[in-house]
């Protein structure tokens, strides 16, 4: 339980059902199962780099058939200092990258999403922030529940991450992020993530 009364699925509570226990235990081991898939995706990187992508803090949509990628800190194409997110699980399809906090993802266009914008559209995320934890928020304006993505951490399938409400209902993070911010190691919030 957090100080704001928000229940996190990783916090102990009433005994979960057998199905819920299985889903939670599977979530712990699912990242290990994706390692071979990530290796295969890394081999297919030129095809992914040819996809259209969103670039810059303003997240302007650009179409690109070029196979050259922006300077990246990792194998998924996410530049150092940015929080990146993809339409599909396992870093598939169109992706966006942000280096600043954004209170309303409805203002970030993406024609690949059913709503035409990034609100409730991210299915995998990658935090290449320089020294900060990325925070994905359930609602616009940095409101509601949140998910932390540590520096250098990738979450290939947000359907494996959830929070549980007071009625013991799971709410998946897939297609649920509506705003983002940064959390510094000292637990403060910054608009950008800079430093060594």
Protein backbone atom coordinates (compact mmCIF):
# COMPACT_ATOMS: atom_id res chain seq x y z
CA UNK A 1 0.00 0.00 0.00
CA UNK A 2 1.39 3.39 -0.93
CA UNK A 3 1.05 6.49 1.21
CA UNK A 4 -1.81 7.71 -0.98
CA UNK A 5 -3.84 4.56 -0.32
CA UNK A 6 -3.24 3.12 -3.78
CA UNK A 7 -2.95 -0.65 -3.70
CA UNK A 8 -0.17 -2.13 -5.80
CA UNK A 9 -0.46 -5.68 -7.12
CA UNK A 10 2.92 -6.45 -5.55
CA UNK A 11 1.62 -5.70 -2.03
CA UNK A 12 0.24 -8.52 0.10
CA UNK A 13 -3.47 -8.48 0.84
CA UNK A 14 -6.29 -10.99 1.13
CA UNK A 15 -5.42 -14.39 -0.30
CA UNK A 16 -5.80 -14.27 -4.08
CA UNK A 17 -7.73 -16.91 -6.00
CA UNK A 18 -5.84 -19.79 -7.55
CA UNK A 19 -6.13 -18.15 -10.98
CA UNK A 20 -4.79 -14.85 -9.64
CA UNK A 21 -1.87 -16.66 -7.98
CA UNK A 22 -1.06 -18.36 -11.29
CA UNK A 23 -1.23 -15.05 -13.19
CA UNK A 24 1.06 -13.40 -10.66
CA UNK A 25 3.56 -16.27 -10.64
CA UNK A 26 3.53 -16.33 -14.43
CA UNK A 27 4.21 -12.58 -14.48
CA UNK A 28 7.36 -13.15 -12.45
CA UNK A 29 8.71 -15.68 -14.96
CA UNK A 30 7.33 -14.16 -18.17
CA UNK A 31 10.27 -11.74 -18.62
CA UNK A 32 12.63 -14.73 -18.68
CA UNK A 33 10.50 -16.34 -21.38
CA UNK A 34 10.85 -13.21 -23.53
CA UNK A 35 14.66 -13.34 -23.58
CA UNK A 36 14.78 -15.66 -26.65
CA UNK A 37 12.14 -13.51 -28.34
CA UNK A 38 14.13 -10.34 -27.64
CA UNK A 39 17.19 -11.99 -29.20
CA UNK A 40 15.15 -12.79 -32.32
CA UNK A 41 13.78 -9.23 -32.43
CA UNK A 42 17.31 -7.84 -32.14
CA UNK A 43 18.25 -9.80 -35.27
CA UNK A 44 15.24 -8.29 -37.03
CA UNK A 45 16.15 -4.72 -35.99
CA UNK A 46 16.59 -3.35 -39.56
CA UNK A 47 12.94 -4.15 -40.31
CA UNK A 48 11.81 -2.43 -37.12
CA UNK A 49 14.01 0.62 -37.76
CA UNK A 50 12.27 1.06 -41.12
CA UNK A 51 8.93 1.65 -39.36
CA UNK A 52 7.52 5.15 -39.01
CA UNK A 53 8.31 6.61 -35.60
CA UNK A 54 7.58 9.62 -33.48
CA UNK A 55 10.56 11.79 -32.62
CA UNK A 56 11.46 14.56 -30.20
CA UNK A 57 9.97 15.89 -26.98
CA UNK A 58 7.03 17.34 -28.91
CA UNK A 59 6.46 13.85 -30.33
CA UNK A 60 5.84 14.92 -33.90
CA UNK A 61 4.92 12.06 -36.18
CA UNK A 62 7.25 11.53 -39.11
CA UNK A 63 7.11 8.91 -41.81
CA UNK A 64 10.43 7.30 -42.54
CA UNK A 65 11.51 4.53 -44.87
CA UNK A 66 15.14 4.96 -43.87
CA UNK A 67 16.87 2.03 -42.18
CA UNK A 68 19.18 4.34 -40.25
CA UNK A 69 18.15 4.77 -36.64
CA UNK A 70 18.71 7.62 -34.22
CA UNK A 71 21.63 7.17 -31.80
CA UNK A 72 20.40 4.63 -29.31
CA UNK A 73 21.46 3.40 -25.90
CA UNK A 74 19.84 0.01 -26.37
CA UNK A 75 18.85 -2.56 -28.99
CA UNK A 76 15.26 -1.34 -29.27
CA UNK A 77 16.11 2.07 -30.73
CA UNK A 78 15.31 4.14 -27.63
CA UNK A 79 17.78 7.06 -27.42
CA UNK A 80 19.66 7.78 -24.21
CA UNK A 81 17.67 10.14 -21.98
CA UNK A 82 14.25 9.14 -23.34
CA UNK A 83 11.21 7.17 -22.24
CA UNK A 84 10.02 5.12 -25.24
CA UNK A 85 6.78 3.22 -25.80
CA UNK A 86 5.38 1.01 -28.54
CA UNK A 87 1.89 0.33 -29.90
CA UNK A 88 2.36 -3.45 -29.74
CA UNK A 89 3.85 -5.82 -27.20
CA UNK A 90 7.48 -6.91 -27.63
CA UNK A 91 8.40 -3.48 -28.99
CA UNK A 92 6.41 -3.95 -32.18
CA UNK A 93 5.05 -1.46 -34.69
CA UNK A 94 5.15 2.30 -34.32
CA UNK A 95 6.88 3.82 -31.28
CA UNK A 96 7.14 7.18 -29.54
CA UNK A 97 9.90 8.71 -27.46
CA UNK A 98 9.73 11.47 -24.86
CA UNK A 99 12.42 13.24 -22.87
CA UNK A 100 10.12 15.50 -20.84
CA UNK A 101 7.06 14.92 -18.69
CA UNK A 102 3.71 15.11 -20.45
CA UNK A 103 0.44 15.67 -18.60
CA UNK A 104 -1.89 14.60 -21.41
CA UNK A 105 -1.08 11.90 -23.96
CA UNK A 106 -4.29 12.73 -25.90
CA UNK A 107 -2.26 15.65 -27.31
CA UNK A 108 0.43 13.30 -28.69
CA UNK A 109 -0.76 12.17 -32.14
CA UNK A 110 -0.36 8.60 -33.36
CA UNK A 111 -2.40 7.34 -36.32
CA UNK A 112 -1.58 3.73 -35.38
CA UNK A 113 -3.72 3.96 -32.22
CA UNK A 114 -7.50 3.47 -32.28
CA UNK A 115 -8.00 6.98 -30.83
CA UNK A 116 -5.48 8.66 -33.15
CA UNK A 117 -3.26 9.60 -30.18
CA UNK A 118 -1.02 7.89 -27.61
CA UNK A 119 -3.56 8.00 -24.76
CA UNK A 120 -4.24 4.40 -23.63
CA UNK A 121 -2.16 2.98 -26.49
CA UNK A 122 1.27 1.86 -25.14
CA UNK A 123 1.82 -1.91 -24.92
CA UNK A 124 5.57 -2.03 -24.20
CA UNK A 125 7.94 0.55 -22.71
CA UNK A 126 11.67 1.22 -22.36
CA UNK A 127 13.27 3.74 -19.98
CA UNK A 128 16.62 5.04 -21.18
CA UNK A 129 16.49 8.07 -18.86
CA UNK A 130 19.94 9.21 -17.77
CA UNK A 131 19.39 8.89 -14.01
CA UNK A 132 15.65 8.85 -13.36
CA UNK A 133 12.81 6.39 -13.03
CA UNK A 134 10.04 6.90 -15.59
CA UNK A 135 6.50 7.06 -14.23
CA UNK A 136 3.49 6.08 -16.34
CA UNK A 137 0.18 7.43 -15.01
CA UNK A 138 -3.26 5.84 -15.42
CA UNK A 139 -4.97 9.22 -15.93
CA UNK A 140 -4.03 12.52 -17.54
CA UNK A 141 -2.54 15.22 -15.34
CA UNK A 142 -0.31 12.73 -13.45
CA UNK A 143 -3.38 11.35 -11.66
CA UNK A 144 -4.56 7.93 -10.56
CA UNK A 145 -2.44 4.81 -10.33
CA UNK A 146 1.10 4.71 -11.63
CA UNK A 147 3.76 2.29 -12.78
CA UNK A 148 7.48 2.82 -12.24
CA UNK A 149 9.95 1.88 -14.98
CA UNK A 150 13.47 1.98 -13.58
CA UNK A 151 16.36 3.44 -15.57
CA UNK A 152 17.48 0.89 -18.17
CA UNK A 153 14.38 -1.27 -17.60
CA UNK A 154 12.22 -2.56 -20.44
CA UNK A 155 8.72 -3.96 -20.06
CA UNK A 156 8.04 -5.90 -23.25
CA UNK A 157 4.41 -6.75 -22.53
CA UNK A 158 2.28 -4.49 -20.33
CA UNK A 159 -0.46 -7.14 -20.20
CA UNK A 160 1.69 -8.82 -17.51
CA UNK A 161 1.58 -5.76 -15.23
CA UNK A 162 -1.49 -4.77 -13.24
CA UNK A 163 -2.76 -2.99 -10.16
CA UNK A 164 -5.54 -4.30 -7.96
CA UNK A 165 -8.38 -2.10 -6.72
CA UNK A 166 -10.14 -2.34 -3.35
CA UNK A 167 -12.64 -4.82 -4.85
CA UNK A 168 -9.72 -7.10 -5.78
CA UNK A 169 -10.18 -6.44 -9.50
CA UNK A 170 -7.04 -6.42 -11.64
CA UNK A 171 -6.48 -3.54 -14.05
CA UNK A 172 -3.85 -4.21 -16.71
CA UNK A 173 -1.35 -1.56 -17.74
CA UNK A 174 -1.61 -2.51 -21.42
CA UNK A 175 -3.17 0.40 -23.35
CA UNK A 176 -3.66 2.34 -20.11
CA UNK A 177 -0.95 5.04 -19.76
CA UNK A 178 -2.34 8.58 -20.13
CA UNK A 179 0.55 10.78 -18.89
CA UNK A 180 4.20 10.41 -17.90
CA UNK A 181 6.69 12.02 -15.55
CA UNK A 182 10.13 11.33 -14.06
CA UNK A 183 11.11 10.41 -10.52
CA UNK A 184 14.65 11.17 -9.38
CA UNK A 185 16.62 8.80 -7.14
CA UNK A 186 15.87 11.10 -4.16
CA UNK A 187 12.11 10.55 -4.85
CA UNK A 188 11.57 14.06 -6.24
CA UNK A 189 9.86 14.75 -9.57
CA UNK A 190 11.64 16.48 -12.45
CA UNK A 191 10.38 17.64 -15.80
CA UNK A 192 13.47 16.19 -17.48
CA UNK A 193 15.95 13.52 -16.58
CA UNK A 194 19.51 14.84 -16.73
CA UNK A 195 22.82 14.13 -15.07
CA UNK A 196 25.52 11.49 -15.04
